[in-house]
Amino acid sequence: MTSPALPGDPIPSDDREAAVLEAAALGFPAALSDLGALVRIPGMAWPAFDQTQLERSSEAVAALASATGVFDEVRILRAAVPGTDEVGQPAVLATRAARNGKPTILLYAHHDVQPPGDDALWQTPPFEPTVRDGRLYGRGAADDKAGIMAHVASIRAVTEVLGDDLELGIAMFIEGEEEYGSRSFAQFLSDNKDALRADAIVVADSGNWDSTTPGLTVSLRGNARFTVRVRTLDHASHSGMFGGAVPDAMMATVTMLATLWNADGSVAVEGMTERDAPTPDYSEETLRDEAGLLPGTSPIGDGTILSRIWNKPSVTVIGIDATSVAAASNTLLPEVTVVISARVAPGQSGEDAYAALEAHLRAHAPFGAELTFSDVDLGNGFLVDTSGWAVALTREAMRDGYGVAPIDLGVGGSIPFIADLVREFPQAQILVTGVEDPHSHAHSPNESLHLDTFRHAVATEALLLARMNDIVI
């Protein structure tokens, strides 16, 4: 017969984990309410927006961290933007020292958000959190304020159960300019290296396989974004007087850009590489549903659909400066400026991909058009070493938190600052997780968070913290 537990006796492991899951479930309404309060703050890092809102946002996050009672110190900090006279946006750094040989975990998310875009495209106001059909709608609801609250809610649950037995070291770093390019990120890491040093790093800024199946992101594409100005004339000319003999900049630009892709839409740039790796089954029907592909529009590229998104490069023209439709006239344009955003296959550097793109465009500029390149922004991809103990622990926590085995994911997007983390903390195991699902529409109108996914993400991270607390390193 088992003797009854006495006050102060350690809670058996199975009972403790059940208590952590119960605490996470009971704390979920408060976490959702706090998430709604964060969504109401329109904190955008672009200079065109009210920067005091980012200060409000950082203060709100710092208050949430302080209220857990876990951290030894909570600070709002800024770092210099290298190569400029500017400082970056406010970030929150909360730290707690490990005790008795326990490991330290660094929890990352970001409190800044993308601009809402056209308010008319939102079904409800972008900064008014709204629950509808099992989802929370609002800018930042998924990307990435839910990541912040997954950290805070899981810490609350573990603290409630373990109390003074929580000996795990925890650092929480909530960035304020991820959507604006993390311009001061590397400097922030350097300035606060000792406070941020950890055995494992959770980057809660990715997604899941679907709303019920968790995903551990094991590969990310890099990026190469730049601006190119195309000039053919030193002044505008009458299209009737000179059209047919004089190439205008738009003609040159369209002709040049068309060479970036093969007839099937795959990238035709020599020197941009692909990664050879298997991908899970994923149907065209699923792609159409998740991407909103119109019925008459076909997918592009070759190979499996997920290999096109995870393991191959892509090139997208994301901006053009030219005469607007409203101001159109019969004029040959002297210059056109475009912004090109390329995603780079894991394993190739952003620098090498950009060099290939620039060489391609220069070689394919028609009629001797003059090209000027500027505003180059590069980021490297990421491949996770999946052999570490923290990866195994995370997979197990996902399985138990969601009730479904996780899937290893590649992601077509980029998180360039992970390369900074790898460089600064080469011994740390990096775990890229998230709360988004394919219908979250991050960066788009009607961004939303699936509430059950959020609930399971909190449970998963709470289990991960509790289990890491049992480890001695």
Foldseek 3Di string as FASTA:
>chain_A
DDDDDDPPDDDPPVVLLVQLLVLLVVCQVVLVVLLLVLLLQQQAFDPVDDNVSLVVNQVSLQVLVVVLVAFPDKDWDWFCQPPDPDIGHTKIKTWDAFPDQFFEEEQEAASHFFDQPDQVPFPDGQSRWDDDPQWTWHTCSFRPSLSSSLVSSLSSSLCVRCPVLQRYIYMYMYHYHQVVPCRRVLVVCVVCVVRRAGQAYEYAGDAAAFLQFFEWEFKEWKKKKWKKKWFQDPDKDFCVVCPPPGAFAVNLVVQLVVCQADPQQAGPFPQFDWDDDDDDDDDPVNVCVLVVDDPVDDDGDDDHPQSSQFTGKHKDWDDKDDDDPVRDDRMRHRMMMTMMMMTGGAPDWQVRVVVRVVVSSVVRRPPPIDMDMDDIDIAHMGGFDCPDPLNVLLQVLLCVLSVHGHYHDGGNHGSRCVVSVCVSHVSHGYIYTYQHGSNQQGPHHGRIGRSSSSSSSSSSVSSSSNVSSVDRD
